[in-house]
N, C-alpha and C. Protein backbone atom coordinates (compact mmCIF):
# COMPACT_ATOMS: atom_id res chain seq x y z
N MET A 1 10.76 21.85 -16.90
CA MET A 1 11.20 20.94 -15.32
C MET A 1 9.68 20.18 -14.91
N PRO A 2 9.83 19.10 -14.55
CA PRO A 2 9.00 18.15 -14.72
C PRO A 2 8.48 18.73 -12.96
N ARG A 3 7.07 18.43 -12.45
CA ARG A 3 6.50 18.89 -11.52
C ARG A 3 6.91 17.84 -9.99
N PRO A 4 7.42 18.04 -8.97
CA PRO A 4 7.56 17.27 -8.09
C PRO A 4 7.15 16.71 -7.96
N ARG A 5 7.48 15.38 -7.21
CA ARG A 5 6.61 13.93 -6.99
C ARG A 5 6.06 14.26 -5.71
N LYS A 6 4.25 13.90 -5.52
CA LYS A 6 3.59 14.08 -4.01
C LYS A 6 4.05 12.67 -3.70
N CYS A 7 4.62 12.92 -1.86
CA CYS A 7 4.48 11.93 -0.68
C CYS A 7 2.70 11.15 -0.89
N ARG A 8 2.69 9.82 -1.10
CA ARG A 8 1.47 9.10 -1.18
C ARG A 8 1.42 9.38 0.39
N LYS A 9 -0.17 9.29 0.61
CA LYS A 9 -0.50 9.38 2.46
C LYS A 9 -0.93 7.68 2.05
N VAL A 10 -0.49 6.81 3.16
CA VAL A 10 -0.57 5.57 3.40
C VAL A 10 -1.14 5.44 5.13
N CYS A 11 -1.43 4.78 5.66
CA CYS A 11 -1.92 4.14 6.73
C CYS A 11 -1.37 3.77 7.84
N CYS A 12 -0.18 2.01 7.13
CA CYS A 12 0.66 1.69 8.01
C CYS A 12 1.27 1.02 7.43
N LEU A 13 2.64 0.62 7.90
CA LEU A 13 3.47 -0.41 7.07
C LEU A 13 2.72 -1.58 7.35
N PRO A 14 2.82 -2.47 6.18
CA PRO A 14 2.34 -3.51 6.21
C PRO A 14 3.14 -4.39 7.47
N GLU A 15 2.27 -5.55 8.58
CA GLU A 15 3.01 -6.10 9.21
C GLU A 15 3.94 -7.38 9.16
N LYS A 16 4.05 -7.83 7.51
CA LYS A 16 4.85 -8.54 7.07
C LYS A 16 5.11 -8.11 5.63
N ASP A 17 6.42 -8.02 5.52
CA ASP A 17 6.87 -7.56 4.34
C ASP A 17 7.89 -8.15 3.10
N LEU A 18 7.46 -9.37 3.52
CA LEU A 18 7.84 -9.93 1.85
C LEU A 18 7.09 -12.19 2.48
N PHE A 19 6.47 -11.91 1.22
CA PHE A 19 5.66 -13.22 0.56
C PHE A 19 6.10 -13.92 -0.33
N GLY A 20 6.14 -15.18 -0.10
CA GLY A 20 6.18 -15.79 -1.18
C GLY A 20 6.37 -18.07 -0.99
N PRO A 21 5.99 -18.17 -2.26
CA PRO A 21 6.01 -19.55 -1.95
C PRO A 21 6.28 -19.99 -0.56
N ILE A 22 5.93 -20.99 -0.08
CA ILE A 22 6.50 -21.60 0.99
C ILE A 22 8.36 -22.77 0.49
N GLY A 23 8.98 -22.09 1.70
CA GLY A 23 10.19 -22.92 1.73
C GLY A 23 11.22 -22.07 0.64
N GLN A 24 10.01 -21.34 -0.62
CA GLN A 24 11.56 -20.61 -1.27
C GLN A 24 12.35 -19.63 -0.59
N ASN A 25 13.73 -19.96 -0.86
CA ASN A 25 14.49 -18.91 -0.72
C ASN A 25 14.84 -17.82 -0.76
N TYR A 26 15.25 -17.09 0.09
CA TYR A 26 15.17 -15.76 -0.07
C TYR A 26 16.98 -15.25 -0.89
N GLU A 27 16.75 -14.91 -2.22
CA GLU A 27 17.26 -14.76 -2.83
C GLU A 27 17.16 -13.07 -3.80
N GLU A 28 17.61 -12.13 -3.68
CA GLU A 28 17.64 -10.84 -4.43
C GLU A 28 17.23 -11.07 -5.80
N ASP A 29 17.85 -11.92 -6.61
CA ASP A 29 17.19 -12.28 -7.59
C ASP A 29 16.48 -12.63 -7.93
N ASN A 30 15.53 -13.31 -7.38
CA ASN A 30 14.05 -14.06 -7.17
C ASN A 30 13.08 -13.29 -6.76
N VAL A 31 13.15 -11.78 -6.57
CA VAL A 31 12.57 -10.84 -5.54
C VAL A 31 11.85 -10.03 -6.53
N VAL A 32 10.23 -9.77 -6.05
CA VAL A 32 9.96 -8.61 -7.13
C VAL A 32 9.80 -7.81 -5.70
N ILE A 33 10.21 -6.67 -6.29
CA ILE A 33 9.84 -5.23 -5.00
C ILE A 33 8.60 -4.22 -5.68
N LEU A 34 7.70 -4.21 -4.21
CA LEU A 34 6.57 -3.77 -4.56
C LEU A 34 6.43 -2.71 -3.22
N ALA A 35 5.70 -1.48 -3.90
CA ALA A 35 7.03 -0.06 -2.75
C ALA A 35 5.10 -0.24 -2.14
N VAL A 36 5.64 0.16 -1.13
CA VAL A 36 4.84 0.51 0.26
C VAL A 36 2.93 1.49 -1.16
N ASP A 37 4.06 2.12 -1.32
CA ASP A 37 2.24 3.10 -1.65
C ASP A 37 1.80 2.44 -2.64
N GLU A 38 2.35 1.36 -3.20
CA GLU A 38 1.61 0.27 -4.64
C GLU A 38 0.92 -0.57 -3.76
N TYR A 39 1.36 -1.26 -2.36
CA TYR A 39 0.57 -1.93 -1.78
C TYR A 39 -0.02 -1.41 -1.48
N GLU A 40 -0.07 -0.22 -0.59
CA GLU A 40 -1.25 0.31 -0.03
C GLU A 40 -2.29 1.00 -0.85
N ALA A 41 -2.06 0.73 -2.23
CA ALA A 41 -3.53 0.85 -3.33
C ALA A 41 -4.37 -0.14 -3.21
N LEU A 42 -3.51 -1.40 -3.72
CA LEU A 42 -3.71 -2.92 -3.38
C LEU A 42 -5.14 -2.74 -2.53
N ARG A 43 -4.30 -2.68 -1.29
CA ARG A 43 -4.92 -2.68 0.38
C ARG A 43 -6.34 -2.07 -0.10
N LEU A 44 -6.11 -0.75 -0.41
CA LEU A 44 -7.42 0.19 -0.16
C LEU A 44 -8.45 -0.41 -1.32
N ILE A 45 -8.27 -0.66 -2.73
CA ILE A 45 -8.73 -0.69 -3.94
C ILE A 45 -9.48 -2.35 -3.69
N ASP A 46 -8.99 -3.46 -3.60
CA ASP A 46 -9.07 -4.80 -3.65
C ASP A 46 -9.47 -5.10 -1.78
N TYR A 47 -8.87 -4.82 -0.67
CA TYR A 47 -9.21 -5.20 0.08
C TYR A 47 -10.22 -4.24 0.80
N ARG A 48 -10.09 -3.06 0.80
CA ARG A 48 -10.91 -2.07 1.20
C ARG A 48 -12.45 -1.53 0.85
N GLY A 49 -12.02 -2.33 -0.64
CA GLY A 49 -13.54 -1.65 -1.53
C GLY A 49 -13.60 -0.16 -1.98
N MET A 50 -12.02 0.32 -2.13
CA MET A 50 -12.83 1.91 -2.34
C MET A 50 -12.53 2.13 -3.75
N THR A 51 -13.05 2.66 -4.49
CA THR A 51 -12.71 3.06 -5.82
C THR A 51 -11.52 4.25 -5.79
N GLN A 52 -11.35 3.83 -6.90
CA GLN A 52 -10.11 5.05 -7.35
C GLN A 52 -10.16 5.74 -7.41
N GLU A 53 -10.76 6.86 -7.24
CA GLU A 53 -11.46 7.85 -6.74
C GLU A 53 -11.01 8.12 -5.18
N GLU A 54 -11.41 7.56 -4.93
CA GLU A 54 -12.04 7.27 -3.16
C GLU A 54 -10.50 6.96 -2.88
N CYS A 55 -9.73 6.32 -3.34
CA CYS A 55 -8.09 5.62 -3.13
C CYS A 55 -7.59 7.25 -3.50
N GLY A 56 -7.29 7.85 -3.99
CA GLY A 56 -6.99 9.20 -4.60
C GLY A 56 -7.00 10.25 -3.18
N THR A 57 -8.22 10.01 -3.47
CA THR A 57 -8.47 10.91 -1.88
C THR A 57 -7.85 10.91 -0.77
N TYR A 58 -7.79 9.59 -0.82
CA TYR A 58 -7.13 9.25 1.03
C TYR A 58 -5.62 9.65 0.88
N MET A 59 -5.34 9.12 -0.91
CA MET A 59 -3.87 8.91 -0.60
C MET A 59 -3.09 9.82 -1.03
N ARG A 60 -3.54 11.47 -0.87
CA ARG A 60 -3.67 12.79 -1.90
C ARG A 60 -3.26 12.27 -2.80
N ILE A 61 -3.51 11.81 -3.96
CA ILE A 61 -3.40 11.81 -5.25
C ILE A 61 -4.19 11.94 -5.93
N SER A 62 -3.54 12.27 -7.10
CA SER A 62 -5.08 12.55 -8.34
C SER A 62 -5.43 10.83 -8.80
N ARG A 63 -7.24 10.83 -9.10
CA ARG A 63 -6.65 9.45 -9.71
C ARG A 63 -6.25 8.48 -10.71
N THR A 64 -5.40 9.55 -11.52
CA THR A 64 -4.97 8.86 -12.88
C THR A 64 -3.63 8.00 -12.39
N THR A 65 -3.08 9.53 -11.07
CA THR A 65 -2.40 9.12 -10.58
C THR A 65 -2.07 7.38 -9.85
N VAL A 66 -3.38 7.30 -8.99
CA VAL A 66 -3.52 5.91 -8.17
C VAL A 66 -3.83 4.32 -9.40
N GLN A 67 -4.46 4.76 -10.37
CA GLN A 67 -3.97 4.14 -12.21
C GLN A 67 -3.08 3.52 -11.99
N GLN A 68 -2.14 4.23 -11.95
CA GLN A 68 -0.36 3.83 -12.81
C GLN A 68 -0.31 3.36 -11.21
N ILE A 69 -0.19 3.66 -10.09
CA ILE A 69 0.29 2.43 -9.15
C ILE A 69 -0.36 1.64 -9.05
N TYR A 70 -1.79 1.58 -9.16
CA TYR A 70 -2.68 0.33 -9.13
C TYR A 70 -2.10 -0.92 -10.12
N ASP A 71 -2.35 -0.22 -11.44
CA ASP A 71 -1.36 -0.97 -12.35
C ASP A 71 -0.32 -1.58 -11.96
N SER A 72 0.91 -0.80 -12.00
CA SER A 72 2.12 -1.29 -11.81
C SER A 72 2.13 -2.49 -10.54
N ALA A 73 1.10 -2.27 -9.28
CA ALA A 73 1.26 -3.54 -8.21
C ALA A 73 0.56 -4.07 -8.94
N ARG A 74 -0.04 -4.35 -9.88
CA ARG A 74 -1.26 -6.10 -9.90
C ARG A 74 -0.03 -6.36 -11.04
N ARG A 75 0.31 -5.82 -11.76
CA ARG A 75 1.46 -6.15 -13.19
C ARG A 75 2.77 -7.67 -11.90
N LYS A 76 3.05 -6.27 -11.09
CA LYS A 76 3.75 -7.06 -10.19
C LYS A 76 3.88 -8.28 -9.41
N VAL A 77 2.60 -8.05 -8.55
CA VAL A 77 1.49 -9.49 -8.40
C VAL A 77 1.90 -10.67 -8.67
N ALA A 78 1.31 -10.77 -10.26
CA ALA A 78 1.28 -11.34 -10.91
C ALA A 78 2.19 -12.05 -11.49
N GLN A 79 3.42 -10.99 -11.91
CA GLN A 79 4.65 -12.15 -12.09
C GLN A 79 5.17 -12.49 -11.05
N ALA A 80 5.07 -12.01 -10.15
CA ALA A 80 5.71 -13.43 -8.48
C ALA A 80 4.26 -14.38 -8.45
N LEU A 81 3.27 -14.41 -8.84
CA LEU A 81 2.38 -15.90 -8.77
C LEU A 81 2.90 -16.69 -9.97
N VAL A 82 3.13 -16.01 -11.54
CA VAL A 82 3.22 -16.67 -12.33
C VAL A 82 4.71 -17.11 -12.55
N GLU A 83 5.41 -16.44 -11.44
CA GLU A 83 6.63 -17.27 -12.21
C GLU A 83 7.21 -17.72 -10.90
N GLY A 84 6.36 -17.89 -9.07
CA GLY A 84 6.67 -18.60 -8.41
C GLY A 84 7.97 -17.38 -7.70
N ARG A 85 7.97 -16.09 -7.43
CA ARG A 85 9.02 -15.37 -7.01
C ARG A 85 8.05 -14.60 -5.59
N LEU A 86 9.11 -13.81 -5.10
CA LEU A 86 8.72 -13.66 -3.71
C LEU A 86 8.47 -12.24 -4.26
N ILE A 87 7.80 -11.94 -2.74
CA ILE A 87 7.28 -10.28 -3.23
C ILE A 87 7.76 -9.71 -1.88
N ARG A 88 8.80 -8.81 -1.87
CA ARG A 88 9.17 -8.03 -1.25
C ARG A 88 8.41 -6.71 -0.98
N ILE A 89 7.88 -6.05 0.31
CA ILE A 89 7.15 -4.28 -0.50
C ILE A 89 8.73 -3.60 0.56
N ILE A 90 8.48 -2.41 -0.01
CA ILE A 90 10.01 -1.70 0.97
C ILE A 90 9.64 -0.25 0.15
N GLY A 91 9.98 0.79 0.34
CA GLY A 91 10.21 1.28 -0.30
C GLY A 91 9.12 2.47 -1.57
N GLY A 92 9.37 3.65 -1.91
CA GLY A 92 8.88 3.93 -2.53
C GLY A 92 8.61 5.69 -1.88
N GLN A 93 7.66 6.34 -2.64
CA GLN A 93 7.67 8.06 -1.78
C GLN A 93 6.04 7.62 -0.74
N TYR A 94 6.17 7.98 0.28
CA TYR A 94 5.40 8.08 0.33
C TYR A 94 5.12 9.13 2.05
N GLN A 95 3.74 8.95 2.71
CA GLN A 95 4.17 9.50 4.12
C GLN A 95 3.42 8.96 5.21
N LEU A 96 4.19 8.58 6.18
CA LEU A 96 2.65 7.38 6.75
C LEU A 96 1.61 8.54 7.58
N CYS A 97 0.75 7.92 8.04
CA CYS A 97 -0.27 8.41 8.06
C CYS A 97 -0.22 9.11 9.67
N ASP A 98 -0.53 9.58 10.24
CA ASP A 98 0.56 10.63 11.45
C ASP A 98 -1.39 10.54 12.56
N GLY A 99 -2.12 9.82 12.42
CA GLY A 99 -3.05 9.89 13.10
C GLY A 99 -4.17 10.61 13.87
N GLU A 100 -3.69 12.10 13.23
CA GLU A 100 -3.69 13.55 13.86
C GLU A 100 -5.18 13.88 13.02
N GLU A 101 -5.32 13.22 12.20
CA GLU A 101 -6.64 13.49 11.25
C GLU A 101 -8.23 13.47 12.00
N VAL A 102 -9.29 13.88 12.07
CA VAL A 102 -10.53 13.83 12.34
C VAL A 102 -11.26 12.70 11.97
N VAL A 103 -10.87 12.38 10.71
CA VAL A 103 -11.37 11.14 10.16
C VAL A 103 -10.43 10.51 9.36
N CYS A 104 -10.02 9.71 9.54
CA CYS A 104 -8.44 9.49 8.70
C CYS A 104 -9.56 8.32 7.01
N GLY A 105 -10.57 7.58 7.98
CA GLY A 105 -11.00 6.78 6.99
C GLY A 105 -10.10 5.19 6.69
N CYS A 106 -9.08 5.25 6.81
CA CYS A 106 -8.00 4.10 6.27
C CYS A 106 -8.86 3.08 7.18
N GLY A 107 -9.44 2.99 8.39
CA GLY A 107 -9.78 1.29 8.94
C GLY A 107 -8.73 1.17 9.11
N GLY A 108 -6.98 1.05 9.06
CA GLY A 108 -6.40 0.25 9.52
C GLY A 108 -5.60 0.52 10.21
N CYS A 109 -5.07 2.35 10.56
CA CYS A 109 -4.16 2.10 11.40
C CYS A 109 -4.14 2.10 12.75
N LYS A 110 -3.10 1.59 13.37
CA LYS A 110 -3.10 1.18 15.10
C LYS A 110 -3.56 1.97 15.91
N LYS A 111 -3.35 3.83 15.41
CA LYS A 111 -3.59 5.35 15.96
C LYS A 111 -5.17 5.11 16.05
N HIS A 112 -5.38 4.64 15.27
CA HIS A 112 -7.37 5.37 14.55
C HIS A 112 -7.73 3.58 15.23
N ARG A 113 -7.58 2.39 15.01
CA ARG A 113 -7.82 1.29 15.55
C ARG A 113 -7.99 1.42 17.54
N GLN A 114 -6.55 1.95 17.69
CA GLN A 114 -6.97 2.17 19.35
C GLN A 114 -8.01 2.99 20.26
N GLU A 115 -7.68 3.92 19.45
CA GLU A 115 -8.65 5.52 19.80
C GLU A 115 -10.15 4.79 19.48
N SER A 116 -10.82 4.49 18.60
CA SER A 116 -11.74 3.62 18.27
C SER A 116 -12.74 2.60 19.73
N GLU A 117 -11.78 1.86 19.92
CA GLU A 117 -11.74 0.90 20.39
C GLU A 117 -11.63 1.43 22.56
N SER A 118 -10.85 2.56 22.43
CA SER A 118 -10.57 3.25 24.17
C SER A 118 -12.22 4.35 23.69
N LYS A 119 -13.22 4.24 22.89
CA LYS A 119 -14.40 5.07 23.01
C LYS A 119 -15.42 4.12 23.05
N ASP A 120 -14.96 2.94 22.74
CA ASP A 120 -15.68 1.50 22.64
C ASP A 120 -16.31 1.17 24.31
N GLU A 121 -15.36 1.39 24.60
CA GLU A 121 -15.14 1.16 26.48
C GLU A 121 -15.90 1.90 27.73
């Protein structure tokens, strides 16, 4: 019997969930689906500059799982770019950051940004 899958901790949902070539019509068969946890791995590793180990600690999963998620996300983004397809970010097994942690380390969720802005005032 396999182990149950852990929900991956995700900072926040993306503001935009559909990306693609300008003027491209939305058709289900022309869309690459990128799961929310795959988006988060790309955001943390490529955008925030975290290592896979740091990303795994933040998302509460192992580094090897991060590597699998990250590889899958990169393949999907490459497919969309090469084939001129749309990317839709939806689904996956994730749990949104609740903002209750003392140190989140996400650097992006609205709850933590508002908290840091109120401290600056």
